[in-house]
């Protein structure tokens, strides 16, 4: 539970005199159909549009960043500047649609939670015809879990090795 950090984190923050901002205690993020509300450590309450980056976790990420910025009292930090900054947020390769005809979506899902976001993006952007995945993965990730989650959504898999000591070869992926 992110709202309840490990004791070691609490102890270390105390030992070095760091102010620790904890979601659920010091700030909150509450979602709604038309956006979300951030409640900050100073009692602020801001209604904001959803970040344009896919995934519900992005609201938690944005809430943490807003709590940090409010804690360091950045000059010019206010609801309007925060809203503009969040609206301009982009992550290349995260459910990024690079073409609609044909549909080409690039995603760097790196864990099973990220694959859930990818599945939602695929469902929100259906295609006629076949779906092909070009798939590569690092050695410390779970290709079998990803394949199970995407089973039924992918018609053809093209395995792409990653030329790095942490990467799996296409042969290793084929063996999984």
Protein backbone atom coordinates (compact mmCIF):
# COMPACT_ATOMS: atom_id res chain seq x y z
CA UNK A 1 0.00 0.00 0.00
CA UNK A 2 1.56 3.29 -1.13
CA UNK A 3 -0.27 5.16 1.64
CA UNK A 4 1.69 3.21 4.24
CA UNK A 5 5.45 3.40 3.54
CA UNK A 6 7.82 0.81 4.99
CA UNK A 7 9.07 1.50 8.50
CA UNK A 8 12.63 1.77 7.13
CA UNK A 9 11.60 4.74 4.94
CA UNK A 10 9.92 6.48 7.88
CA UNK A 11 12.96 5.85 10.10
CA UNK A 12 15.43 7.11 7.50
CA UNK A 13 13.42 10.27 6.83
CA UNK A 14 13.34 10.92 10.57
CA UNK A 15 17.08 10.23 10.93
CA UNK A 16 18.05 12.74 8.22
CA UNK A 17 15.40 15.29 9.17
CA UNK A 18 13.51 15.01 5.88
CA UNK A 19 9.89 16.05 5.62
CA UNK A 20 8.07 13.01 4.27
CA UNK A 21 4.85 13.63 2.33
CA UNK A 22 2.62 10.57 2.41
CA UNK A 23 -0.32 10.05 0.09
CA UNK A 24 -3.50 9.66 2.10
CA UNK A 25 -2.05 11.51 5.08
CA UNK A 26 -0.53 14.69 3.62
CA UNK A 27 -2.18 14.86 0.20
CA UNK A 28 -4.93 13.12 -1.74
CA UNK A 29 -6.09 12.51 -5.29
CA UNK A 30 -9.76 11.89 -5.95
CA UNK A 31 -10.93 11.09 -9.46
CA UNK A 32 -14.22 11.94 -11.13
CA UNK A 33 -15.68 11.48 -14.60
CA UNK A 34 -14.49 14.90 -15.76
CA UNK A 35 -11.09 15.07 -14.05
CA UNK A 36 -9.66 14.84 -10.58
CA UNK A 37 -9.24 16.78 -7.38
CA UNK A 38 -5.90 17.27 -5.66
CA UNK A 39 -5.93 18.06 -1.95
CA UNK A 40 -2.53 19.32 -0.91
CA UNK A 41 -0.51 19.36 2.31
CA UNK A 42 -1.34 23.03 2.87
CA UNK A 43 -5.10 22.47 2.62
CA UNK A 44 -5.26 23.36 -1.08
CA UNK A 45 -8.06 21.80 -3.09
CA UNK A 46 -7.71 21.99 -6.87
CA UNK A 47 -9.94 20.56 -9.60
CA UNK A 48 -7.80 19.53 -12.56
CA UNK A 49 -8.18 17.82 -15.93
CA UNK A 50 -6.87 14.28 -16.24
CA UNK A 51 -3.23 14.08 -17.37
CA UNK A 52 -3.00 13.10 -21.07
CA UNK A 53 -0.74 10.15 -20.20
CA UNK A 54 -2.73 6.88 -20.06
CA UNK A 55 -3.30 4.93 -16.87
CA UNK A 56 -5.00 5.66 -13.57
CA UNK A 57 -1.60 5.54 -11.85
CA UNK A 58 -0.72 8.79 -13.62
CA UNK A 59 -3.09 10.71 -11.35
CA UNK A 60 -1.24 9.32 -8.32
CA UNK A 61 2.05 10.30 -9.98
CA UNK A 62 0.77 13.82 -10.69
CA UNK A 63 -0.55 14.18 -7.13
CA UNK A 64 2.88 13.30 -5.73
CA UNK A 65 4.59 15.83 -7.99
CA UNK A 66 2.11 18.54 -6.98
CA UNK A 67 2.71 17.73 -3.29
CA UNK A 68 6.47 18.03 -3.84
CA UNK A 69 6.17 21.34 -5.70
CA UNK A 70 3.87 22.77 -3.05
CA UNK A 71 6.30 21.69 -0.31
CA UNK A 72 9.25 23.48 -1.87
CA UNK A 73 7.12 26.59 -2.48
CA UNK A 74 8.21 27.03 -6.07
CA UNK A 75 7.62 30.65 -7.19
CA UNK A 76 4.69 30.85 -9.57
CA UNK A 77 3.33 27.46 -8.51
CA UNK A 78 -0.45 27.64 -8.57
CA UNK A 79 -3.41 25.72 -9.93
CA UNK A 80 -3.18 27.32 -13.37
CA UNK A 81 0.54 26.62 -13.83
CA UNK A 82 0.11 23.08 -12.50
CA UNK A 83 -2.80 22.47 -14.89
CA UNK A 84 -0.77 23.77 -17.86
CA UNK A 85 2.20 21.64 -16.92
CA UNK A 86 0.16 18.48 -16.51
CA UNK A 87 -1.75 19.12 -19.75
CA UNK A 88 1.56 19.30 -21.61
CA UNK A 89 2.87 16.03 -20.18
CA UNK A 90 3.79 13.41 -22.76
CA UNK A 91 5.65 10.13 -22.46
CA UNK A 92 7.01 8.87 -25.75
CA UNK A 93 6.37 5.18 -26.24
CA UNK A 94 3.59 4.95 -23.66
CA UNK A 95 0.44 3.95 -25.58
CA UNK A 96 1.70 6.36 -28.22
CA UNK A 97 -0.30 6.29 -31.46
CA UNK A 98 2.11 7.08 -34.28
CA UNK A 99 -0.29 6.25 -37.12
CA UNK A 100 -4.02 5.66 -37.47
CA UNK A 101 -4.00 4.26 -41.01
CA UNK A 102 -2.79 1.69 -40.40
CA UNK A 103 -3.11 1.87 -36.61
CA UNK A 104 0.35 1.74 -35.02
CA UNK A 105 0.62 2.05 -31.26
CA UNK A 106 3.97 1.98 -29.48
CA UNK A 107 4.11 0.96 -25.86
CA UNK A 108 6.93 0.15 -23.47
CA UNK A 109 4.83 -1.76 -20.94
CA UNK A 110 7.42 -3.02 -18.49
CA UNK A 111 5.30 -4.78 -15.88
CA UNK A 112 1.87 -6.37 -15.61
CA UNK A 113 0.25 -3.17 -14.32
CA UNK A 114 1.54 -1.35 -17.41
CA UNK A 115 0.11 -4.11 -19.61
CA UNK A 116 -3.31 -3.44 -18.06
CA UNK A 117 -2.99 0.18 -19.25
CA UNK A 118 -1.96 -1.04 -22.71
CA UNK A 119 -4.97 -3.36 -22.89
CA UNK A 120 -7.31 -0.48 -22.06
CA UNK A 121 -5.64 1.69 -24.72
CA UNK A 122 -6.05 -1.11 -27.27
CA UNK A 123 -9.71 -1.52 -26.35
CA UNK A 124 -10.22 2.25 -26.63
CA UNK A 125 -8.63 2.19 -30.12
CA UNK A 126 -10.01 -0.94 -31.82
CA UNK A 127 -8.76 -1.99 -35.23
CA UNK A 128 -10.34 -3.86 -38.12
CA UNK A 129 -8.33 -6.87 -39.16
CA UNK A 130 -5.36 -8.43 -37.48
CA UNK A 131 -3.25 -7.17 -34.59
CA UNK A 132 0.49 -7.74 -34.72
CA UNK A 133 2.79 -7.23 -31.74
CA UNK A 134 6.51 -6.58 -32.07
CA UNK A 135 7.68 -7.84 -28.71
CA UNK A 136 10.96 -7.53 -26.85
CA UNK A 137 11.64 -7.70 -23.14
CA UNK A 138 14.38 -7.42 -20.54
CA UNK A 139 15.58 -10.52 -18.71
CA UNK A 140 14.17 -9.42 -15.35
CA UNK A 141 10.63 -9.04 -16.71
CA UNK A 142 7.78 -11.52 -17.12
CA UNK A 143 7.18 -12.27 -20.82
CA UNK A 144 4.90 -15.22 -20.02
CA UNK A 145 2.67 -13.02 -17.84
CA UNK A 146 2.50 -10.37 -20.55
CA UNK A 147 1.65 -12.96 -23.21
CA UNK A 148 -1.08 -14.46 -21.01
CA UNK A 149 -2.63 -11.03 -20.42
CA UNK A 150 -2.60 -10.19 -24.14
CA UNK A 151 -3.84 -13.64 -25.20
CA UNK A 152 -6.78 -13.20 -27.53
CA UNK A 153 -5.84 -9.61 -28.40
CA UNK A 154 -2.75 -10.34 -30.51
CA UNK A 155 -3.03 -12.32 -33.75
CA UNK A 156 0.67 -12.40 -34.66
CA UNK A 157 3.73 -12.04 -32.46
CA UNK A 158 7.05 -10.82 -33.93
CA UNK A 159 9.83 -11.39 -31.44
CA UNK A 160 12.55 -8.76 -31.30
CA UNK A 161 15.70 -9.37 -29.32
CA UNK A 162 17.24 -6.58 -27.26
CA UNK A 163 21.00 -6.26 -27.84
CA UNK A 164 22.01 -5.45 -24.32
CA UNK A 165 23.23 -7.60 -21.44
CA UNK A 166 19.86 -7.05 -19.73
CA UNK A 167 17.84 -7.87 -22.85
CA UNK A 168 16.39 -11.18 -23.96
CA UNK A 169 17.15 -12.49 -27.43
CA UNK A 170 14.28 -13.45 -29.73
CA UNK A 171 15.33 -17.08 -29.19
CA UNK A 172 15.01 -16.69 -25.41
CA UNK A 173 11.58 -15.11 -25.85
CA UNK A 174 10.50 -17.95 -28.14
CA UNK A 175 11.47 -20.45 -25.44
CA UNK A 176 9.21 -18.79 -22.86
